[in-house]
Amino acid sequence: MQPARPTLRTLREDLKLPLPSARKPLDELDHPLLAKARELFGDDETSHERIRAIDDEVLFKIKIQRWRGAAWIDKDLDLPWLVAAGQREDGSLDDFYAALETSARAARARHNADHRRSLAGKTYVGHLLPDQDDRDRYQLEADTRLVRRLASAIRDLTRGSLHDGHEHAVDFATFRLGVLVRAEDGHETYVAVRITGSVPDDLTAVVLRHVPGCEPTDWYPEYALPSRSLLPAEQAWSTLMDPKAAAELLNEE
């Protein structure tokens, strides 16, 4: 299951947190309730306590310190969402779960008053679930996650190839990425990047931009790798790596 994340409404209205740029995924925000949600839904063996007072959707309790929350699982994405949050107030009408039930009953009454077909059950929390803005933000972050994963993988592949002079490769969802570095004492350090599969041009540019010690504008198309010709589904580029950057990359270990 993916890490739990808040809806935009929960983030702004309940947690009172600003919306960060898409470079900061919402499932990485530093907040005790979000951290607890990630913990609870990060282990398939962990049991979850359902909010029984809500009967139109399956919501689960999240508790940490004085914070209380309600989580809903998007089964299509296998993704838990924090859809509501608040503070615990024992014995008060302001208790989070009591207030959630009250507002859900009122929402059902309003819905039934405005629609010809009445809702079954006693509550309605549809307005708390992720909407199109939440899905758009999630997709935007997916692109950011891919770039971050690419950058980390490229660095690891480059370091590995620097060690042994062989191509190192990794598989992504729709393509395979390989990096080959040939470094000799007293000579220039040659770098080749190979992509097998179909990727858009902008993703290719991202890959080349993240190879350590190489100028993004100095890559040239290759029609053969040092040890073989390219296969029909392959494309490759080469350039020279700054030897100081190569040494720094090896010293990272």
C-alpha atoms as a PDB file:
ATOM      1  CA  MET A   1       0.000   0.000   0.000  1.00  0.00           C
ATOM      2  CA  GLN A   2       1.203   3.507  -0.770  1.00  0.00           C
ATOM      3  CA  PRO A   3       1.988   6.009   2.028  1.00  0.00           C
ATOM      4  CA  ALA A   4      -1.013   7.796   3.534  1.00  0.00           C
ATOM      5  CA  ARG A   5      -1.564  11.394   2.403  1.00  0.00           C
ATOM      6  CA  PRO A   6      -4.009  14.189   3.328  1.00  0.00           C
ATOM      7  CA  THR A   7      -6.646  15.636   1.054  1.00  0.00           C
ATOM      8  CA  LEU A   8      -6.109  19.281   0.172  1.00  0.00           C
ATOM      9  CA  ARG A   9      -9.109  20.259   2.292  1.00  0.00           C
ATOM     10  CA  THR A  10      -7.727  18.397   5.310  1.00  0.00           C
ATOM     11  CA  LEU A  11      -4.331  19.973   4.808  1.00  0.00           C
ATOM     12  CA  ARG A  12      -5.637  23.535   4.683  1.00  0.00           C
ATOM     13  CA  GLU A  13      -8.699  23.506   6.939  1.00  0.00           C
ATOM     14  CA  ASP A  14      -8.010  20.826   9.551  1.00  0.00           C
ATOM     15  CA  LEU A  15      -4.225  20.721   9.883  1.00  0.00           C
ATOM     16  CA  LYS A  16      -3.765  24.414   9.029  1.00  0.00           C
ATOM     17  CA  LEU A  17      -0.706  23.651   6.911  1.00  0.00           C
ATOM     18  CA  PRO A  18       0.345  25.535   3.761  1.00  0.00           C
ATOM     19  CA  LEU A  19       0.315  23.714   0.445  1.00  0.00           C
ATOM     20  CA  PRO A  20       3.931  22.999  -0.569  1.00  0.00           C
ATOM     21  CA  SER A  21       5.193  22.872  -4.130  1.00  0.00           C
ATOM     22  CA  ALA A  22       4.790  19.632  -6.070  1.00  0.00           C
ATOM     23  CA  ARG A  23       8.445  18.895  -5.360  1.00  0.00           C
ATOM     24  CA  LYS A  24       7.301  18.048  -1.820  1.00  0.00           C
ATOM     25  CA  PRO A  25       4.877  15.074  -1.897  1.00  0.00           C
ATOM     26  CA  LEU A  26       2.048  15.400   0.611  1.00  0.00           C
ATOM     27  CA  ASP A  27       2.763  11.949   2.008  1.00  0.00           C
ATOM     28  CA  GLU A  28       6.128  13.266   3.257  1.00  0.00           C
ATOM     29  CA  LEU A  29       4.835  16.231   5.262  1.00  0.00           C
ATOM     30  CA  ASP A  30       6.089  16.540   8.824  1.00  0.00           C
ATOM     31  CA  HIS A  31       3.055  16.294  11.102  1.00  0.00           C
ATOM     32  CA  PRO A  32       2.419  13.794  13.934  1.00  0.00           C
ATOM     33  CA  LEU A  33      -0.975  12.719  12.610  1.00  0.00           C
ATOM     34  CA  LEU A  34       0.356  12.142   9.091  1.00  0.00           C
ATOM     35  CA  ALA A  35       3.343  10.249  10.472  1.00  0.00           C
ATOM     36  CA  LYS A  36       0.963   8.023  12.482  1.00  0.00           C
ATOM     37  CA  ALA A  37      -1.204   7.410   9.420  1.00  0.00           C
ATOM     38  CA  ARG A  38       1.842   6.396   7.391  1.00  0.00           C
ATOM     39  CA  GLU A  39       2.865   4.047  10.189  1.00  0.00           C
ATOM     40  CA  LEU A  40      -0.556   2.408  10.544  1.00  0.00           C
ATOM     41  CA  PHE A  41      -1.075   1.840   6.838  1.00  0.00           C
ATOM     42  CA  GLY A  42       2.543   1.023   6.057  1.00  0.00           C
ATOM     43  CA  ASP A  43       2.248  -2.495   7.469  1.00  0.00           C
ATOM     44  CA  ASP A  44      -0.321  -4.901   6.037  1.00  0.00           C
ATOM     45  CA  GLU A  45      -0.319  -6.813   9.332  1.00  0.00           C
ATOM     46  CA  THR A  46      -1.474  -3.797  11.371  1.00  0.00           C
ATOM     47  CA  SER A  47      -5.160  -3.821  12.325  1.00  0.00           C
ATOM     48  CA  HIS A  48      -7.265  -0.681  11.872  1.00  0.00           C
ATOM     49  CA  GLU A  49     -10.132   0.560  14.030  1.00  0.00           C
ATOM     50  CA  ARG A  50     -13.214   1.513  12.041  1.00  0.00           C
ATOM     51  CA  ILE A  51     -15.282   4.608  12.874  1.00  0.00           C
ATOM     52  CA  ARG A  52     -18.564   2.775  13.456  1.00  0.00           C
ATOM     53  CA  ALA A  53     -20.694   5.906  13.606  1.00  0.00           C
ATOM     54  CA  ILE A  54     -20.029   6.525   9.886  1.00  0.00           C
ATOM     55  CA  ASP A  55     -22.025   4.075   7.783  1.00  0.00           C
ATOM     56  CA  ASP A  56     -21.921   5.381   4.192  1.00  0.00           C
ATOM     57  CA  GLU A  57     -18.147   4.904   3.795  1.00  0.00           C
ATOM     58  CA  VAL A  58     -15.530   2.863   5.643  1.00  0.00           C
ATOM     59  CA  LEU A  59     -13.404   5.287   7.657  1.00  0.00           C
ATOM     60  CA  PHE A  60     -10.650   4.355  10.100  1.00  0.00           C
ATOM     61  CA  LYS A  61      -9.409   6.063  13.261  1.00  0.00           C
ATOM     62  CA  ILE A  62      -5.972   7.658  13.475  1.00  0.00           C
ATOM     63  CA  LYS A  63      -4.822   8.701  16.966  1.00  0.00           C
ATOM     64  CA  ILE A  64      -1.609  10.315  18.169  1.00  0.00           C
ATOM     65  CA  GLN A  65      -1.158  12.604  21.168  1.00  0.00           C
ATOM     66  CA  ARG A  66      -4.227  14.911  21.113  1.00  0.00           C
ATOM     67  CA  TRP A  67      -4.653  14.578  17.362  1.00  0.00           C
ATOM     68  CA  ARG A  68      -7.470  12.515  15.866  1.00  0.00           C
ATOM     69  CA  GLY A  69      -8.088  11.687  12.243  1.00  0.00           C
ATOM     70  CA  ALA A  70     -10.257   9.748   9.815  1.00  0.00           C
ATOM     71  CA  ALA A  71      -8.684   7.737   7.004  1.00  0.00           C
ATOM     72  CA  TRP A  72     -10.304   6.388   3.852  1.00  0.00           C
ATOM     73  CA  ILE A  73      -8.688   3.873   1.493  1.00  0.00           C
ATOM     74  CA  ASP A  74      -8.879   4.438  -2.258  1.00  0.00           C
ATOM     75  CA  LYS A  75      -9.005   0.817  -3.417  1.00  0.00           C
ATOM     76  CA  ASP A  76      -8.305   1.714  -7.057  1.00  0.00           C
ATOM     77  CA  LEU A  77      -4.970   3.293  -6.134  1.00  0.00           C
ATOM     78  CA  ASP A  78      -4.336   1.223  -2.975  1.00  0.00           C
ATOM     79  CA  LEU A  79      -3.864   4.592  -1.295  1.00  0.00           C
ATOM     80  CA  PRO A  80      -4.963   5.726   2.198  1.00  0.00           C
ATOM     81  CA  TRP A  81      -6.197   9.326   2.466  1.00  0.00           C
ATOM     82  CA  LEU A  82      -6.502  11.368   5.645  1.00  0.00           C
ATOM     83  CA  VAL A  83      -9.921  12.906   4.945  1.00  0.00           C
ATOM     84  CA  ALA A  84     -10.537  14.711   8.241  1.00  0.00           C
ATOM     85  CA  ALA A  85      -8.532  15.719  11.308  1.00  0.00           C
ATOM     86  CA  GLY A  86      -8.991  17.468  14.628  1.00  0.00           C
ATOM     87  CA  GLN A  87      -8.113  17.588  18.305  1.00  0.00           C
ATOM     88  CA  ARG A  88      -9.396  15.331  21.067  1.00  0.00           C
ATOM     89  CA  GLU A  89     -11.667  16.961  23.644  1.00  0.00           C
ATOM     90  CA  ASP A  90     -12.804  14.315  26.146  1.00  0.00           C
ATOM     91  CA  GLY A  91     -16.437  14.613  27.234  1.00  0.00           C
ATOM     92  CA  SER A  92     -17.040  17.637  25.051  1.00  0.00           C
ATOM     93  CA  LEU A  93     -19.398  18.132  22.132  1.00  0.00           C
ATOM     94  CA  ASP A  94     -16.231  19.193  20.339  1.00  0.00           C
ATOM     95  CA  ASP A  95     -14.745  15.672  20.537  1.00  0.00           C
ATOM     96  CA  PHE A  96     -13.453  14.938  17.046  1.00  0.00           C
ATOM     97  CA  TYR A  97     -15.284  11.667  16.359  1.00  0.00           C
ATOM     98  CA  ALA A  98     -18.527  12.936  17.885  1.00  0.00           C
ATOM     99  CA  ALA A  99     -18.282  16.097  15.802  1.00  0.00           C
ATOM    100  CA  LEU A 100     -17.543  14.038  12.690  1.00  0.00           C
ATOM    101  CA  GLU A 101     -20.692  11.958  13.241  1.00  0.00           C
ATOM    102  CA  THR A 102     -22.800  15.074  13.835  1.00  0.00           C
ATOM    103  CA  SER A 103     -21.549  16.801  10.699  1.00  0.00           C
ATOM    104  CA  ALA A 104     -21.987  13.617   8.643  1.00  0.00           C
ATOM    105  CA  ARG A 105     -25.605  13.275   9.801  1.00  0.00           C
ATOM    106  CA  ALA A 106     -26.236  16.932   8.932  1.00  0.00           C
ATOM    107  CA  ALA A 107     -24.610  16.445   5.518  1.00  0.00           C
ATOM    108  CA  ARG A 108     -26.905  13.479   4.835  1.00  0.00           C
ATOM    109  CA  ALA A 109     -29.959  15.564   5.781  1.00  0.00           C
ATOM    110  CA  ARG A 110     -28.856  18.382   3.450  1.00  0.00           C
ATOM    111  CA  HIS A 111     -28.168  15.939   0.635  1.00  0.00           C
ATOM    112  CA  ASN A 112     -31.572  14.298   0.976  1.00  0.00           C
ATOM    113  CA  ALA A 113     -33.280  17.688   1.065  1.00  0.00           C
ATOM    114  CA  ASP A 114     -31.582  18.720  -2.189  1.00  0.00           C
ATOM    115  CA  HIS A 115     -31.923  15.454  -4.131  1.00  0.00           C
ATOM    116  CA  ARG A 116     -34.932  13.452  -5.230  1.00  0.00           C
ATOM    117  CA  ARG A 117     -33.317  10.132  -4.346  1.00  0.00           C
ATOM    118  CA  SER A 118     -32.537   9.883  -0.638  1.00  0.00           C
ATOM    119  CA  LEU A 119     -29.391   8.339   0.725  1.00  0.00           C
ATOM    120  CA  ALA A 120     -29.626   5.173   2.762  1.00  0.00           C
ATOM    121  CA  GLY A 121     -28.006   5.012   6.158  1.00  0.00           C
ATOM    122  CA  LYS A 122     -27.505   7.736   8.731  1.00  0.00           C
ATOM    123  CA  THR A 123     -24.423   9.603   7.499  1.00  0.00           C
ATOM    124  CA  TYR A 124     -22.829  11.146   4.408  1.00  0.00           C
ATOM    125  CA  VAL A 125     -19.084  11.893   4.102  1.00  0.00           C
ATOM    126  CA  GLY A 126     -18.764  12.009   0.324  1.00  0.00           C
ATOM    127  CA  HIS A 127     -17.764  15.670   0.485  1.00  0.00           C
ATOM    128  CA  LEU A 128     -14.707  14.716   2.550  1.00  0.00           C
ATOM    129  CA  LEU A 129     -13.319  12.196   0.068  1.00  0.00           C
ATOM    130  CA  PRO A 130     -10.604  13.103  -2.476  1.00  0.00           C
ATOM    131  CA  ASP A 131     -11.862  15.200  -5.402  1.00  0.00           C
ATOM    132  CA  GLN A 132     -10.419  16.050  -8.813  1.00  0.00           C
ATOM    133  CA  ASP A 133      -8.013  18.608  -7.331  1.00  0.00           C
ATOM    134  CA  ASP A 134      -6.634  15.893  -5.042  1.00  0.00           C
ATOM    135  CA  ARG A 135      -6.205  13.498  -7.946  1.00  0.00           C
ATOM    136  CA  ASP A 136      -4.517  16.192 -10.048  1.00  0.00           C
ATOM    137  CA  ARG A 137      -2.088  16.940  -7.230  1.00  0.00           C
ATOM    138  CA  TYR A 138      -1.384  13.228  -6.787  1.00  0.00           C
ATOM    139  CA  GLN A 139      -0.600  12.864 -10.506  1.00  0.00           C
ATOM    140  CA  LEU A 140       1.635  15.923 -10.444  1.00  0.00           C
ATOM    141  CA  GLU A 141       3.565  14.406  -7.566  1.00  0.00           C
ATOM    142  CA  ALA A 142       3.856  11.117  -9.467  1.00  0.00           C
ATOM    143  CA  ASP A 143       5.904  12.949 -12.098  1.00  0.00           C
ATOM    144  CA  THR A 144       8.053  14.441  -9.343  1.00  0.00           C
ATOM    145  CA  ARG A 145       8.557  11.005  -7.771  1.00  0.00           C
ATOM    146  CA  LEU A 146       9.690   9.587 -11.117  1.00  0.00           C
ATOM    147  CA  VAL A 147      12.264  12.349 -11.529  1.00  0.00           C
ATOM    148  CA  ARG A 148      13.542  11.785  -8.000  1.00  0.00           C
ATOM    149  CA  ARG A 149      13.746   8.030  -8.536  1.00  0.00           C
ATOM    150  CA  LEU A 150      15.513   8.574 -11.868  1.00  0.00           C
ATOM    151  CA  ALA A 151      18.065  10.918 -10.321  1.00  0.00           C
ATOM    152  CA  SER A 152      18.868   8.449  -7.531  1.00  0.00           C
ATOM    153  CA  ALA A 153      19.055   5.457  -9.900  1.00  0.00           C
ATOM    154  CA  ILE A 154      21.277   7.275 -12.398  1.00  0.00           C
ATOM    155  CA  ARG A 155      23.710   8.225  -9.654  1.00  0.00           C
ATOM    156  CA  ASP A 156      23.866   4.619  -8.429  1.00  0.00           C
ATOM    157  CA  LEU A 157      24.283   3.220 -11.960  1.00  0.00           C
ATOM    158  CA  THR A 158      27.036   5.700 -12.771  1.00  0.00           C
ATOM    159  CA  ARG A 159      28.925   4.903  -9.557  1.00  0.00           C
ATOM    160  CA  GLY A 160      28.605   1.168 -10.189  1.00  0.00           C
ATOM    161  CA  SER A 161      29.920   1.464 -13.723  1.00  0.00           C
ATOM    162  CA  LEU A 162      32.802   3.651 -12.557  1.00  0.00           C
ATOM    163  CA  HIS A 163      33.821   0.785 -10.273  1.00  0.00           C
ATOM    164  CA  ASP A 164      33.967  -2.004 -12.841  1.00  0.00           C
ATOM    165  CA  GLY A 165      33.745  -0.448 -16.324  1.00  0.00           C
ATOM    166  CA  HIS A 166      30.647  -2.480 -17.212  1.00  0.00           C
ATOM    167  CA  GLU A 167      27.170  -1.248 -18.045  1.00  0.00           C
ATOM    168  CA  HIS A 168      24.787  -1.088 -15.089  1.00  0.00           C
ATOM    169  CA  ALA A 169      21.045  -1.029 -15.785  1.00  0.00           C
ATOM    170  CA  VAL A 170      17.688  -0.822 -14.027  1.00  0.00           C
ATOM    171  CA  ASP A 171      14.093  -1.399 -15.133  1.00  0.00           C
ATOM    172  CA  PHE A 172      11.354   1.217 -14.868  1.00  0.00           C
ATOM    173  CA  ALA A 173       7.671   0.675 -15.671  1.00  0.00           C
ATOM    174  CA  THR A 174       7.955   1.188 -19.450  1.00  0.00           C
ATOM    175  CA  PHE A 175      11.671   1.294 -20.194  1.00  0.00           C
ATOM    176  CA  ARG A 176      15.116   0.041 -19.187  1.00  0.00           C
ATOM    177  CA  LEU A 177      17.902   2.469 -18.385  1.00  0.00           C
ATOM    178  CA  GLY A 178      21.595   1.639 -18.638  1.00  0.00           C
ATOM    179  CA  VAL A 179      24.748   3.634 -17.893  1.00  0.00           C
ATOM    180  CA  LEU A 180      28.255   2.748 -19.056  1.00  0.00           C
ATOM    181  CA  VAL A 181      31.354   4.607 -17.832  1.00  0.00           C
ATOM    182  CA  ARG A 182      34.834   3.942 -19.195  1.00  0.00           C
ATOM    183  CA  ALA A 183      37.606   5.711 -17.283  1.00  0.00           C
ATOM    184  CA  GLU A 184      41.342   5.196 -17.861  1.00  0.00           C
ATOM    185  CA  ASP A 185      44.291   6.824 -16.131  1.00  0.00           C
ATOM    186  CA  GLY A 186      45.459   9.830 -18.063  1.00  0.00           C
ATOM    187  CA  HIS A 187      42.528   9.641 -20.464  1.00  0.00           C
ATOM    188  CA  GLU A 188      39.083  11.186 -20.689  1.00  0.00           C
ATOM    189  CA  THR A 189      36.146   9.525 -18.931  1.00  0.00           C
ATOM    190  CA  TYR A 190      33.570   8.335 -21.465  1.00  0.00           C
ATOM    191  CA  VAL A 191      29.905   7.996 -20.467  1.00  0.00           C
ATOM    192  CA  ALA A 192      27.115   6.381 -22.469  1.00  0.00           C
ATOM    193  CA  VAL A 193      23.419   6.280 -21.525  1.00  0.00           C
ATOM    194  CA  ARG A 194      21.175   3.691 -23.102  1.00  0.00           C
ATOM    195  CA  ILE A 195      17.365   3.610 -23.010  1.00  0.00           C
ATOM    196  CA  THR A 196      15.447   0.562 -24.185  1.00  0.00           C
ATOM    197  CA  GLY A 197      11.768   1.207 -24.800  1.00  0.00           C
ATOM    198  CA  SER A 198       9.673   4.205 -25.695  1.00  0.00           C
ATOM    199  CA  VAL A 199      10.032   7.396 -23.650  1.00  0.00           C
ATOM    200  CA  PRO A 200       9.044  10.992 -24.464  1.00  0.00           C
ATOM    201  CA  ASP A 201      11.772  13.477 -25.383  1.00  0.00           C
ATOM    202  CA  ASP A 202      11.293  15.470 -22.205  1.00  0.00           C
ATOM    203  CA  LEU A 203      11.984  12.374 -20.097  1.00  0.00           C
ATOM    204  CA  THR A 204      15.139  11.685 -22.095  1.00  0.00           C
ATOM    205  CA  ALA A 205      16.284  15.223 -21.324  1.00  0.00           C
ATOM    206  CA  VAL A 206      15.629  14.608 -17.619  1.00  0.00           C
ATOM    207  CA  VAL A 207      17.746  11.437 -17.710  1.00  0.00           C
ATOM    208  CA  LEU A 208      20.698  13.126 -19.398  1.00  0.00           C
ATOM    209  CA  ARG A 209      20.469  16.159 -17.131  1.00  0.00           C
ATOM    210  CA  HIS A 210      20.940  13.992 -14.027  1.00  0.00           C
ATOM    211  CA  VAL A 211      24.096  12.114 -15.020  1.00  0.00           C
ATOM    212  CA  PRO A 212      26.745  13.383 -12.568  1.00  0.00           C
ATOM    213  CA  GLY A 213      29.666  15.402 -13.928  1.00  0.00           C
ATOM    214  CA  CYS A 214      28.219  15.788 -17.435  1.00  0.00           C
ATOM    215  CA  GLU A 215      27.035  18.942 -19.163  1.00  0.00           C
ATOM    216  CA  PRO A 216      23.346  18.587 -20.161  1.00  0.00           C
ATOM    217  CA  THR A 217      23.994  20.207 -23.564  1.00  0.00           C
ATOM    218  CA  ASP A 218      27.047  18.094 -24.486  1.00  0.00           C
ATOM    219  CA  TRP A 219      25.344  14.773 -25.205  1.00  0.00           C
ATOM    220  CA  TYR A 220      25.515  13.283 -28.706  1.00  0.00           C
ATOM    221  CA  PRO A 221      23.435  10.452 -30.209  1.00  0.00           C
ATOM    222  CA  GLU A 222      25.211   7.113 -30.495  1.00  0.00           C
ATOM    223  CA  TYR A 223      24.481   4.406 -33.027  1.00  0.00           C
ATOM    224  CA  ALA A 224      26.587   1.770 -31.303  1.00  0.00           C
ATOM    225  CA  LEU A 225      27.869   1.070 -27.816  1.00  0.00           C
ATOM    226  CA  PRO A 226      31.573   0.278 -27.301  1.00  0.00           C
ATOM    227  CA  SER A 227      30.982  -3.464 -27.325  1.00  0.00           C
ATOM    228  CA  ARG A 228      27.979  -3.839 -29.653  1.00  0.00           C
ATOM    229  CA  SER A 229      25.498  -2.211 -32.015  1.00  0.00           C
ATOM    230  CA  LEU A 230      22.189  -0.859 -30.770  1.00  0.00           C
ATOM    231  CA  LEU A 231      19.090  -3.008 -30.959  1.00  0.00           C
ATOM    232  CA  PRO A 232      15.946  -1.680 -32.749  1.00  0.00           C
ATOM    233  CA  ALA A 233      14.258  -0.650 -29.487  1.00  0.00           C
ATOM    234  CA  GLU A 234      17.344   1.102 -28.109  1.00  0.00           C
ATOM    235  CA  GLN A 235      18.589   4.663 -28.198  1.00  0.00           C
ATOM    236  CA  ALA A 236      21.857   5.927 -26.754  1.00  0.00           C
ATOM    237  CA  TRP A 237      23.846   9.101 -26.109  1.00  0.00           C
ATOM    238  CA  SER A 238      27.417   9.746 -25.029  1.00  0.00           C
ATOM    239  CA  THR A 239      29.573  12.513 -23.597  1.00  0.00           C
ATOM    240  CA  LEU A 240      32.600  13.053 -21.375  1.00  0.00           C
ATOM    241  CA  MET A 241      32.494  13.212 -17.595  1.00  0.00           C
ATOM    242  CA  ASP A 242      34.398  15.679 -15.474  1.00  0.00           C
ATOM    243  CA  PRO A 243      37.098  13.538 -13.766  1.00  0.00           C
ATOM    244  CA  LYS A 244      36.745  15.504 -10.518  1.00  0.00           C
ATOM    245  CA  ALA A 245      33.033  14.701 -10.428  1.00  0.00           C
ATOM    246  CA  ALA A 246      33.855  11.038 -11.058  1.00  0.00           C
ATOM    247  CA  ALA A 247      36.248  10.994  -8.114  1.00  0.00           C
ATOM    248  CA  GLU A 248      33.701  12.692  -5.855  1.00  0.00           C
ATOM    249  CA  LEU A 249      31.057  10.171  -6.856  1.00  0.00           C
ATOM    250  CA  LEU A 250      33.307   7.267  -5.901  1.00  0.00           C
ATOM    251  CA  ASN A 251      34.224   8.950  -2.621  1.00  0.00           C
ATOM    252  CA  GLU A 252      30.530   9.194  -1.617  1.00  0.00           C
ATOM    253  CA  GLU A 253      30.737   5.602  -0.409  1.00  0.00           C
END
